[in-house]
Amino acid sequence: MEAKALTKHYGQTVALESVDFQVQDGITGLLGPNGAGKSTAIKLFLGLLKPTSGSAEVLGEKPYESLEVRARLGYMPEHDCLPTAITAAEFLTHMVQVSGIPPAQARTRAADILRHVGLEEERYRPIGQYSTGMKQRVKLAQSLAHDPVVVLLDEPTAGLDPGGREEMLRLIRRTGHEFGISIILSSHLMGDVESTCDRIIVLEAGRVTEQGAVAQFTRETETILIDVDGNPDELITALAGRGVNAVVDGVSLAVELDNDEQYDAIRDALVETNSRLRRMSPRRHQLTDIFRRS
């Protein structure tokens, strides 16, 4: 998938402005606050919208011009759109049949997919009786019904409690990594993207501000975090006497390292002050740092 100078305006409102990015294999996070243009980008790649200018291409084709390409895409919408009066088995079997698979095979495939998303035991209950988490899993299941090569997920953890969120993210990771399906995960939740995605594309106000591997944005820094029992003031003074500047950072001391010799200074200061060390570890960048830079 590739966006080339992709632009979408709704009248005078700019949803996307000259956006360029490529989506590689694996799980890619489309990250940004509400209103950043994430849902518009997804709809452009699904062929549900036509760009104002530029292009959105999937498998080298423009999806709004190619039914064949659209047939190879899966989509999990953000909002509840499921039929409530039929069972998940009936719904998913129908969705599989729509892709051209005969009824008997469709029932088997539907059962396999519902097993994959953890709804095997509940597949004969009407969807209207499902919890929010179960409905989200049905939506994920229908996005996989026709064996797509790319699946686009719009806020897949919306409305879920912490346990439901982790279960959904686990399913997404398994779907992407074990089944070899390329996934675009659109979310405003940095934790979801950081724990699930291989790469990220950050949108703000319709423009790409950052893109790259998640590891690139969460790498270790040159700062060491030190946790000790009790008041750290004596340790701070001892470190300062050795030319090491330490500042209180929450419950930790943050020490910016200039050279390897400062590890020896930290060790000696801990021994001198008889400080009981609980933890010493490198600080890692977080995705929140992206927005602090913006």
C-alpha atoms as a PDB file:
ATOM      1  CA  MET A   1       0.000   0.000   0.000  1.00  0.00           C
ATOM      2  CA  GLU A   2       1.255   3.459  -0.855  1.00  0.00           C
ATOM      3  CA  ALA A   3       0.045   7.031  -0.521  1.00  0.00           C
ATOM      4  CA  LYS A   4       1.458   9.478  -3.063  1.00  0.00           C
ATOM      5  CA  ALA A   5       0.762  13.154  -2.360  1.00  0.00           C
ATOM      6  CA  LEU A   6      -2.607  11.894  -1.096  1.00  0.00           C
ATOM      7  CA  THR A   7      -5.037  14.744  -0.495  1.00  0.00           C
ATOM      8  CA  LYS A   8      -8.683  14.728   0.541  1.00  0.00           C
ATOM      9  CA  HIS A   9     -10.817  17.822   1.110  1.00  0.00           C
ATOM     10  CA  TYR A  10     -14.448  17.938   2.204  1.00  0.00           C
ATOM     11  CA  GLY A  11     -15.439  21.323   0.849  1.00  0.00           C
ATOM     12  CA  GLN A  12     -13.229  23.781   2.726  1.00  0.00           C
ATOM     13  CA  THR A  13     -12.244  21.177   5.323  1.00  0.00           C
ATOM     14  CA  VAL A  14      -8.841  19.548   4.827  1.00  0.00           C
ATOM     15  CA  ALA A  15      -8.833  15.912   5.970  1.00  0.00           C
ATOM     16  CA  LEU A  16      -5.503  14.931   4.372  1.00  0.00           C
ATOM     17  CA  GLU A  17      -2.960  17.201   2.711  1.00  0.00           C
ATOM     18  CA  SER A  18      -0.252  15.838   0.384  1.00  0.00           C
ATOM     19  CA  VAL A  19       0.434  12.706   2.431  1.00  0.00           C
ATOM     20  CA  ASP A  20       3.210  10.290   1.407  1.00  0.00           C
ATOM     21  CA  PHE A  21       3.874   6.911   3.006  1.00  0.00           C
ATOM     22  CA  GLN A  22       4.307   3.215   2.248  1.00  0.00           C
ATOM     23  CA  VAL A  23       2.812   0.335   4.207  1.00  0.00           C
ATOM     24  CA  GLN A  24       5.054  -2.715   4.430  1.00  0.00           C
ATOM     25  CA  ASP A  25       4.354  -6.300   5.471  1.00  0.00           C
ATOM     26  CA  GLY A  26       3.487  -6.904   9.114  1.00  0.00           C
ATOM     27  CA  ILE A  27       1.381  -4.707  11.389  1.00  0.00           C
ATOM     28  CA  THR A  28       1.445  -0.966  10.777  1.00  0.00           C
ATOM     29  CA  GLY A  29      -0.059   1.501  13.224  1.00  0.00           C
ATOM     30  CA  LEU A  30      -1.828   4.585  11.916  1.00  0.00           C
ATOM     31  CA  LEU A  31      -1.539   6.768  14.997  1.00  0.00           C
ATOM     32  CA  GLY A  32      -2.983  10.170  15.717  1.00  0.00           C
ATOM     33  CA  PRO A  33      -5.564  12.097  17.729  1.00  0.00           C
ATOM     34  CA  ASN A  34      -9.227  12.127  16.773  1.00  0.00           C
ATOM     35  CA  GLY A  35      -9.691  14.224  13.647  1.00  0.00           C
ATOM     36  CA  ALA A  36      -6.140  13.627  12.396  1.00  0.00           C
ATOM     37  CA  GLY A  37      -7.346  11.995   9.166  1.00  0.00           C
ATOM     38  CA  LYS A  38      -6.934   8.319  10.064  1.00  0.00           C
ATOM     39  CA  SER A  39     -10.444   7.173   9.121  1.00  0.00           C
ATOM     40  CA  THR A  40     -10.322   9.188   5.904  1.00  0.00           C
ATOM     41  CA  ALA A  41      -7.051   7.490   4.957  1.00  0.00           C
ATOM     42  CA  ILE A  42      -8.569   4.068   5.590  1.00  0.00           C
ATOM     43  CA  LYS A  43     -11.629   4.837   3.461  1.00  0.00           C
ATOM     44  CA  LEU A  44      -9.399   6.060   0.633  1.00  0.00           C
ATOM     45  CA  PHE A  45      -7.432   2.796   0.691  1.00  0.00           C
ATOM     46  CA  LEU A  46     -10.676   0.812   0.769  1.00  0.00           C
ATOM     47  CA  GLY A  47     -11.906   2.660  -2.317  1.00  0.00           C
ATOM     48  CA  LEU A  48     -14.884   4.089  -0.429  1.00  0.00           C
ATOM     49  CA  LEU A  49     -13.643   7.606  -1.168  1.00  0.00           C
ATOM     50  CA  LYS A  50     -11.849   9.126  -4.136  1.00  0.00           C
ATOM     51  CA  PRO A  51      -8.886  11.445  -3.479  1.00  0.00           C
ATOM     52  CA  THR A  52      -9.144  15.138  -4.196  1.00  0.00           C
ATOM     53  CA  SER A  53      -5.647  14.757  -5.645  1.00  0.00           C
ATOM     54  CA  GLY A  54      -2.746  12.349  -5.401  1.00  0.00           C
ATOM     55  CA  SER A  55      -3.330   8.619  -5.094  1.00  0.00           C
ATOM     56  CA  ALA A  56      -3.884   5.746  -2.689  1.00  0.00           C
ATOM     57  CA  GLU A  57      -2.647   2.473  -4.173  1.00  0.00           C
ATOM     58  CA  VAL A  58      -3.030  -1.116  -3.009  1.00  0.00           C
ATOM     59  CA  LEU A  59      -1.101  -3.884  -4.769  1.00  0.00           C
ATOM     60  CA  GLY A  60      -0.168  -1.320  -7.392  1.00  0.00           C
ATOM     61  CA  GLU A  61      -3.788  -0.428  -8.220  1.00  0.00           C
ATOM     62  CA  LYS A  62      -6.167   2.356  -7.204  1.00  0.00           C
ATOM     63  CA  PRO A  63      -8.885   0.649  -5.123  1.00  0.00           C
ATOM     64  CA  TYR A  64     -11.630   3.101  -6.141  1.00  0.00           C
ATOM     65  CA  GLU A  65     -11.047   1.948  -9.729  1.00  0.00           C
ATOM     66  CA  SER A  66     -10.519  -1.790  -9.132  1.00  0.00           C
ATOM     67  CA  LEU A  67     -13.104  -4.240  -7.806  1.00  0.00           C
ATOM     68  CA  GLU A  68     -10.446  -6.952  -7.875  1.00  0.00           C
ATOM     69  CA  VAL A  69      -8.247  -5.048  -5.429  1.00  0.00           C
ATOM     70  CA  ARG A  70     -11.168  -4.192  -3.142  1.00  0.00           C
ATOM     71  CA  ALA A  71     -12.039  -7.893  -2.988  1.00  0.00           C
ATOM     72  CA  ARG A  72      -8.625  -8.575  -1.438  1.00  0.00           C
ATOM     73  CA  LEU A  73      -9.082  -6.104   1.415  1.00  0.00           C
ATOM     74  CA  GLY A  74     -10.659  -6.706   4.814  1.00  0.00           C
ATOM     75  CA  TYR A  75     -12.173  -3.955   6.959  1.00  0.00           C
ATOM     76  CA  MET A  76     -13.175  -3.718  10.604  1.00  0.00           C
ATOM     77  CA  PRO A  77     -15.177  -0.495  11.079  1.00  0.00           C
ATOM     78  CA  GLU A  78     -15.039   1.505  14.282  1.00  0.00           C
ATOM     79  CA  HIS A  79     -18.783   1.742  14.860  1.00  0.00           C
ATOM     80  CA  ASP A  80     -21.229  -1.033  15.715  1.00  0.00           C
ATOM     81  CA  CYS A  81     -22.790  -2.229  12.464  1.00  0.00           C
ATOM     82  CA  LEU A  82     -23.676  -5.856  13.163  1.00  0.00           C
ATOM     83  CA  PRO A  83     -27.077  -7.506  12.644  1.00  0.00           C
ATOM     84  CA  THR A  84     -28.449  -8.305  16.086  1.00  0.00           C
ATOM     85  CA  ALA A  85     -31.139 -10.888  15.316  1.00  0.00           C
ATOM     86  CA  ILE A  86     -28.942 -13.611  13.785  1.00  0.00           C
ATOM     87  CA  THR A  87     -26.138 -15.701  15.236  1.00  0.00           C
ATOM     88  CA  ALA A  88     -22.459 -15.096  14.638  1.00  0.00           C
ATOM     89  CA  ALA A  89     -22.296 -18.410  12.775  1.00  0.00           C
ATOM     90  CA  GLU A  90     -25.086 -17.340  10.411  1.00  0.00           C
ATOM     91  CA  PHE A  91     -23.610 -13.896   9.860  1.00  0.00           C
ATOM     92  CA  LEU A  92     -20.090 -15.082   9.178  1.00  0.00           C
ATOM     93  CA  THR A  93     -21.238 -17.945   6.946  1.00  0.00           C
ATOM     94  CA  HIS A  94     -23.134 -15.409   4.863  1.00  0.00           C
ATOM     95  CA  MET A  95     -20.078 -13.141   4.659  1.00  0.00           C
ATOM     96  CA  VAL A  96     -17.916 -16.058   3.500  1.00  0.00           C
ATOM     97  CA  GLN A  97     -20.500 -17.048   0.875  1.00  0.00           C
ATOM     98  CA  VAL A  98     -20.572 -13.486  -0.461  1.00  0.00           C
ATOM     99  CA  SER A  99     -16.926 -13.996  -1.436  1.00  0.00           C
ATOM    100  CA  GLY A 100     -17.962 -16.891  -3.688  1.00  0.00           C
ATOM    101  CA  ILE A 101     -17.368 -19.922  -1.460  1.00  0.00           C
ATOM    102  CA  PRO A 102     -20.034 -22.715  -1.615  1.00  0.00           C
ATOM    103  CA  PRO A 103     -22.333 -23.103   1.434  1.00  0.00           C
ATOM    104  CA  ALA A 104     -20.766 -26.235   2.958  1.00  0.00           C
ATOM    105  CA  GLN A 105     -17.249 -24.836   2.710  1.00  0.00           C
ATOM    106  CA  ALA A 106     -18.477 -21.457   3.930  1.00  0.00           C
ATOM    107  CA  ARG A 107     -19.845 -23.006   7.132  1.00  0.00           C
ATOM    108  CA  THR A 108     -16.515 -24.727   7.782  1.00  0.00           C
ATOM    109  CA  ARG A 109     -14.497 -21.570   7.154  1.00  0.00           C
ATOM    110  CA  ALA A 110     -16.854 -19.507   9.335  1.00  0.00           C
ATOM    111  CA  ALA A 111     -16.419 -21.991  12.186  1.00  0.00           C
ATOM    112  CA  ASP A 112     -12.622 -21.868  11.809  1.00  0.00           C
ATOM    113  CA  ILE A 113     -12.536 -18.068  11.917  1.00  0.00           C
ATOM    114  CA  LEU A 114     -14.864 -17.882  14.926  1.00  0.00           C
ATOM    115  CA  ARG A 115     -12.603 -20.378  16.684  1.00  0.00           C
ATOM    116  CA  HIS A 116      -9.629 -18.153  15.877  1.00  0.00           C
ATOM    117  CA  VAL A 117     -11.269 -15.116  17.522  1.00  0.00           C
ATOM    118  CA  GLY A 118     -12.410 -17.096  20.562  1.00  0.00           C
ATOM    119  CA  LEU A 119     -16.138 -17.330  19.804  1.00  0.00           C
ATOM    120  CA  GLU A 120     -16.447 -21.039  19.065  1.00  0.00           C
ATOM    121  CA  GLU A 121     -18.611 -21.724  22.125  1.00  0.00           C
ATOM    122  CA  GLU A 122     -20.821 -18.665  21.567  1.00  0.00           C
ATOM    123  CA  ARG A 123     -21.286 -18.843  17.799  1.00  0.00           C
ATOM    124  CA  TYR A 124     -24.936 -19.947  17.947  1.00  0.00           C
ATOM    125  CA  ARG A 125     -26.098 -17.076  20.154  1.00  0.00           C
ATOM    126  CA  PRO A 126     -27.766 -14.027  18.561  1.00  0.00           C
ATOM    127  CA  ILE A 127     -25.237 -11.224  18.141  1.00  0.00           C
ATOM    128  CA  GLY A 128     -27.590  -8.853  19.968  1.00  0.00           C
ATOM    129  CA  GLN A 129     -26.868 -10.806  23.178  1.00  0.00           C
ATOM    130  CA  TYR A 130     -23.116 -10.332  22.871  1.00  0.00           C
ATOM    131  CA  SER A 131     -20.962  -8.084  25.045  1.00  0.00           C
ATOM    132  CA  THR A 132     -19.032  -5.217  23.460  1.00  0.00           C
ATOM    133  CA  GLY A 133     -15.860  -7.306  23.437  1.00  0.00           C
ATOM    134  CA  MET A 134     -17.590 -10.208  21.704  1.00  0.00           C
ATOM    135  CA  LYS A 135     -19.066  -7.880  19.076  1.00  0.00           C
ATOM    136  CA  GLN A 136     -15.604  -6.477  18.389  1.00  0.00           C
ATOM    137  CA  ARG A 137     -14.361 -10.021  17.816  1.00  0.00           C
ATOM    138  CA  VAL A 138     -17.223 -10.681  15.392  1.00  0.00           C
ATOM    139  CA  LYS A 139     -16.203  -7.550  13.480  1.00  0.00           C
ATOM    140  CA  LEU A 140     -12.615  -8.789  13.357  1.00  0.00           C
ATOM    141  CA  ALA A 141     -13.852 -12.200  12.186  1.00  0.00           C
ATOM    142  CA  GLN A 142     -15.891 -10.741   9.312  1.00  0.00           C
ATOM    143  CA  SER A 143     -12.852  -8.764   8.136  1.00  0.00           C
ATOM    144  CA  LEU A 144     -11.093 -12.120   7.653  1.00  0.00           C
ATOM    145  CA  ALA A 145     -14.018 -13.955   6.046  1.00  0.00           C
ATOM    146  CA  HIS A 146     -12.800 -13.793   2.443  1.00  0.00           C
ATOM    147  CA  ASP A 147      -9.103 -14.523   3.129  1.00  0.00           C
ATOM    148  CA  PRO A 148      -7.831 -10.975   2.457  1.00  0.00           C
ATOM    149  CA  VAL A 149      -4.183 -10.042   1.938  1.00  0.00           C
ATOM    150  CA  VAL A 150      -4.562  -6.710   3.765  1.00  0.00           C
ATOM    151  CA  VAL A 151      -6.883  -5.910   6.685  1.00  0.00           C
ATOM    152  CA  LEU A 152      -7.659  -2.382   7.870  1.00  0.00           C
ATOM    153  CA  LEU A 153      -8.818  -2.025  11.479  1.00  0.00           C
ATOM    154  CA  ASP A 154     -10.399   1.256  12.576  1.00  0.00           C
ATOM    155  CA  GLU A 155     -10.089   1.730  16.369  1.00  0.00           C
ATOM    156  CA  PRO A 156     -10.448  -2.025  17.090  1.00  0.00           C
ATOM    157  CA  THR A 157     -10.249  -1.619  20.885  1.00  0.00           C
ATOM    158  CA  ALA A 158     -12.913   1.104  21.114  1.00  0.00           C
ATOM    159  CA  GLY A 159     -15.205   0.573  24.105  1.00  0.00           C
ATOM    160  CA  LEU A 160     -13.224  -2.334  25.568  1.00  0.00           C
ATOM    161  CA  ASP A 161     -12.095  -2.706  29.168  1.00  0.00           C
ATOM    162  CA  PRO A 162      -8.372  -3.387  29.836  1.00  0.00           C
ATOM    163  CA  GLY A 163      -8.806  -7.163  29.668  1.00  0.00           C
ATOM    164  CA  GLY A 164     -10.812  -6.952  26.461  1.00  0.00           C
ATOM    165  CA  ARG A 165      -8.264  -4.589  24.927  1.00  0.00           C
ATOM    166  CA  GLU A 166      -5.377  -6.954  25.611  1.00  0.00           C
ATOM    167  CA  GLU A 167      -7.337  -9.902  24.196  1.00  0.00           C
ATOM    168  CA  MET A 168      -8.128  -7.966  21.022  1.00  0.00           C
ATOM    169  CA  LEU A 169      -4.513  -6.847  20.614  1.00  0.00           C
ATOM    170  CA  ARG A 170      -3.344 -10.430  21.135  1.00  0.00           C
ATOM    171  CA  LEU A 171      -5.685 -11.560  18.343  1.00  0.00           C
ATOM    172  CA  ILE A 172      -4.404  -8.818  16.059  1.00  0.00           C
ATOM    173  CA  ARG A 173      -0.775  -9.778  16.723  1.00  0.00           C
ATOM    174  CA  ARG A 174      -1.533 -13.439  16.082  1.00  0.00           C
ATOM    175  CA  THR A 175      -3.469 -12.665  12.896  1.00  0.00           C
ATOM    176  CA  GLY A 176      -0.659 -10.526  11.531  1.00  0.00           C
ATOM    177  CA  HIS A 177       2.361 -12.548  12.560  1.00  0.00           C
ATOM    178  CA  GLU A 178       1.140 -16.156  12.386  1.00  0.00           C
ATOM    179  CA  PHE A 179      -1.203 -15.900   9.408  1.00  0.00           C
ATOM    180  CA  GLY A 180       0.908 -13.537   7.325  1.00  0.00           C
ATOM    181  CA  ILE A 181      -1.812 -10.933   6.782  1.00  0.00           C
ATOM    182  CA  SER A 182      -0.709  -7.309   6.473  1.00  0.00           C
ATOM    183  CA  ILE A 183      -2.640  -5.205   8.967  1.00  0.00           C
ATOM    184  CA  ILE A 184      -3.251  -1.479   9.277  1.00  0.00           C
ATOM    185  CA  LEU A 185      -4.294  -0.627  12.839  1.00  0.00           C
ATOM    186  CA  SER A 186      -5.769   2.848  13.203  1.00  0.00           C
ATOM    187  CA  SER A 187      -5.812   4.119  16.779  1.00  0.00           C
ATOM    188  CA  HIS A 188      -5.417   7.193  18.978  1.00  0.00           C
ATOM    189  CA  LEU A 189      -4.137   4.964  21.816  1.00  0.00           C
ATOM    190  CA  MET A 190      -0.341   4.975  21.850  1.00  0.00           C
ATOM    191  CA  GLY A 191      -0.135   1.957  24.158  1.00  0.00           C
ATOM    192  CA  ASP A 192      -2.097  -0.187  21.708  1.00  0.00           C
ATOM    193  CA  VAL A 193       0.155   0.799  18.826  1.00  0.00           C
ATOM    194  CA  GLU A 194       3.395   0.445  20.784  1.00  0.00           C
ATOM    195  CA  SER A 195       2.555  -3.063  22.038  1.00  0.00           C
ATOM    196  CA  THR A 196       1.165  -4.402  18.762  1.00  0.00           C
ATOM    197  CA  CYS A 197       2.689  -2.764  15.698  1.00  0.00           C
ATOM    198  CA  ASP A 198       5.957  -3.238  13.840  1.00  0.00           C
ATOM    199  CA  ARG A 199       5.862   0.190  12.202  1.00  0.00           C
ATOM    200  CA  ILE A 200       3.945   3.417  12.743  1.00  0.00           C
ATOM    201  CA  ILE A 201       2.717   6.321  10.672  1.00  0.00           C
ATOM    202  CA  VAL A 202       1.780   9.381  12.730  1.00  0.00           C
ATOM    203  CA  LEU A 203      -0.908  11.722  11.420  1.00  0.00           C
ATOM    204  CA  GLU A 204      -1.647  15.150  12.867  1.00  0.00           C
ATOM    205  CA  ALA A 205      -4.053  17.620  11.282  1.00  0.00           C
ATOM    206  CA  GLY A 206      -4.050  15.674   8.027  1.00  0.00           C
ATOM    207  CA  ARG A 207      -0.276  15.471   7.625  1.00  0.00           C
ATOM    208  CA  VAL A 208       2.321  12.782   8.302  1.00  0.00           C
ATOM    209  CA  THR A 209       4.636  13.995  11.063  1.00  0.00           C
ATOM    210  CA  GLU A 210       6.587  10.794  11.760  1.00  0.00           C
ATOM    211  CA  GLN A 211       6.947   7.299  10.307  1.00  0.00           C
ATOM    212  CA  GLY A 212       9.241   4.341  10.867  1.00  0.00           C
ATOM    213  CA  ALA A 213       9.773   1.175  12.898  1.00  0.00           C
ATOM    214  CA  VAL A 214       8.309   1.233  16.408  1.00  0.00           C
ATOM    215  CA  ALA A 215      11.731   0.170  17.719  1.00  0.00           C
ATOM    216  CA  GLN A 216      13.139   3.377  16.249  1.00  0.00           C
ATOM    217  CA  PHE A 217      10.900   5.431  18.545  1.00  0.00           C
ATOM    218  CA  THR A 218      11.241   3.246  21.663  1.00  0.00           C
ATOM    219  CA  ARG A 219      15.014   2.713  21.650  1.00  0.00           C
ATOM    220  CA  GLU A 220      17.114   3.132  24.770  1.00  0.00           C
ATOM    221  CA  THR A 221      18.276   6.623  25.701  1.00  0.00           C
ATOM    222  CA  GLU A 222      21.499   7.691  27.410  1.00  0.00           C
ATOM    223  CA  THR A 223      19.558   8.214  30.642  1.00  0.00           C
ATOM    224  CA  ILE A 224      19.730   5.756  33.539  1.00  0.00           C
ATOM    225  CA  LEU A 225      16.816   5.505  35.989  1.00  0.00           C
ATOM    226  CA  ILE A 226      17.780   4.647  39.559  1.00  0.00           C
ATOM    227  CA  ASP A 227      15.335   3.604  42.294  1.00  0.00           C
ATOM    228  CA  VAL A 228      16.533   3.411  45.898  1.00  0.00           C
ATOM    229  CA  ASP A 229      14.773   2.914  49.203  1.00  0.00           C
ATOM    230  CA  GLY A 230      14.241   6.018  51.295  1.00  0.00           C
ATOM    231  CA  ASN A 231      15.139   9.652  50.691  1.00  0.00           C
ATOM    232  CA  PRO A 232      17.510  10.016  47.708  1.00  0.00           C
ATOM    233  CA  ASP A 233      18.914  13.435  48.712  1.00  0.00           C
ATOM    234  CA  GLU A 234      22.125  11.993  50.166  1.00  0.00           C
ATOM    235  CA  LEU A 235      22.708   9.964  47.012  1.00  0.00           C
ATOM    236  CA  ILE A 236      22.095  13.021  44.812  1.00  0.00           C
ATOM    237  CA  THR A 237      24.741  14.924  46.796  1.00  0.00           C
ATOM    238  CA  ALA A 238      27.227  12.046  46.552  1.00  0.00           C
ATOM    239  CA  LEU A 239      26.696  11.798  42.809  1.00  0.00           C
ATOM    240  CA  ALA A 240      27.148  15.546  42.386  1.00  0.00           C
ATOM    241  CA  GLY A 241      30.477  15.276  44.219  1.00  0.00           C
ATOM    242  CA  ARG A 242      31.599  12.858  41.525  1.00  0.00           C
ATOM    243  CA  GLY A 243      30.478  15.091  38.684  1.00  0.00           C
ATOM    244  CA  VAL A 244      27.248  13.190  38.006  1.00  0.00           C
ATOM    245  CA  ASN A 245      24.035  15.194  37.795  1.00  0.00           C
ATOM    246  CA  ALA A 246      20.928  13.369  39.049  1.00  0.00           C
ATOM    247  CA  VAL A 247      17.402  14.790  39.048  1.00  0.00           C
ATOM    248  CA  VAL A 248      14.230  13.441  40.599  1.00  0.00           C
ATOM    249  CA  ASP A 249      11.946  11.961  37.941  1.00  0.00           C
ATOM    250  CA  GLY A 250       8.771  10.659  39.561  1.00  0.00           C
ATOM    251  CA  VAL A 251       9.869   7.933  41.984  1.00  0.00           C
ATOM    252  CA  SER A 252      13.261   7.553  40.286  1.00  0.00           C
ATOM    253  CA  LEU A 253      16.497   9.459  39.888  1.00  0.00           C
ATOM    254  CA  ALA A 254      17.356  10.217  36.276  1.00  0.00           C
ATOM    255  CA  VAL A 255      21.051  10.351  35.421  1.00  0.00           C
ATOM    256  CA  GLU A 256      22.173  11.525  31.986  1.00  0.00           C
ATOM    257  CA  LEU A 257      25.353   9.592  31.127  1.00  0.00           C
ATOM    258  CA  ASP A 258      28.218  11.217  29.256  1.00  0.00           C
ATOM    259  CA  ASN A 259      30.678   8.298  29.428  1.00  0.00           C
ATOM    260  CA  ASP A 260      31.086   4.761  30.760  1.00  0.00           C
ATOM    261  CA  GLU A 261      33.171   5.927  33.734  1.00  0.00           C
ATOM    262  CA  GLN A 262      30.035   7.428  35.235  1.00  0.00           C
ATOM    263  CA  TYR A 263      28.756   3.902  35.938  1.00  0.00           C
ATOM    264  CA  ASP A 264      31.688   3.572  38.371  1.00  0.00           C
ATOM    265  CA  ALA A 265      30.758   6.905  39.941  1.00  0.00           C
ATOM    266  CA  ILE A 266      27.164   5.722  40.438  1.00  0.00           C
ATOM    267  CA  ARG A 267      28.380   2.466  42.025  1.00  0.00           C
ATOM    268  CA  ASP A 268      30.737   4.286  44.379  1.00  0.00           C
ATOM    269  CA  ALA A 269      28.052   6.797  45.399  1.00  0.00           C
ATOM    270  CA  LEU A 270      25.624   3.966  46.175  1.00  0.00           C
ATOM    271  CA  VAL A 271      28.232   2.263  48.364  1.00  0.00           C
ATOM    272  CA  GLU A 272      29.263   5.505  50.102  1.00  0.00           C
ATOM    273  CA  THR A 273      25.688   6.394  51.050  1.00  0.00           C
ATOM    274  CA  ASN A 274      24.767   2.796  51.891  1.00  0.00           C
ATOM    275  CA  SER A 275      21.794   3.181  49.551  1.00  0.00           C
ATOM    276  CA  ARG A 276      19.665   0.120  48.981  1.00  0.00           C
ATOM    277  CA  LEU A 277      19.313  -0.173  45.205  1.00  0.00           C
ATOM    278  CA  ARG A 278      15.931  -1.402  44.013  1.00  0.00           C
ATOM    279  CA  ARG A 279      16.348  -0.884  40.269  1.00  0.00           C
ATOM    280  CA  MET A 280      18.747   0.608  37.756  1.00  0.00           C
ATOM    281  CA  SER A 281      17.771   0.506  34.096  1.00  0.00           C
ATOM    282  CA  PRO A 282      18.061   2.545  30.906  1.00  0.00           C
ATOM    283  CA  ARG A 283      15.176   4.820  30.071  1.00  0.00           C
ATOM    284  CA  ARG A 284      13.514   4.058  26.777  1.00  0.00           C
ATOM    285  CA  HIS A 285      11.890   6.526  24.470  1.00  0.00           C
ATOM    286  CA  GLN A 286       8.092   6.227  24.335  1.00  0.00           C
ATOM    287  CA  LEU A 287       5.675   7.046  21.567  1.00  0.00           C
ATOM    288  CA  THR A 288       4.427   9.942  23.693  1.00  0.00           C
ATOM    289  CA  ASP A 289       7.780  11.611  22.988  1.00  0.00           C
ATOM    290  CA  ILE A 290       6.692  11.980  19.350  1.00  0.00           C
ATOM    291  CA  PHE A 291       3.886  14.338  20.353  1.00  0.00           C
ATOM    292  CA  ARG A 292       6.103  16.235  22.784  1.00  0.00           C
ATOM    293  CA  ARG A 293       8.412  17.029  19.855  1.00  0.00           C
ATOM    294  CA  SER A 294       5.557  18.190  17.613  1.00  0.00           C
END
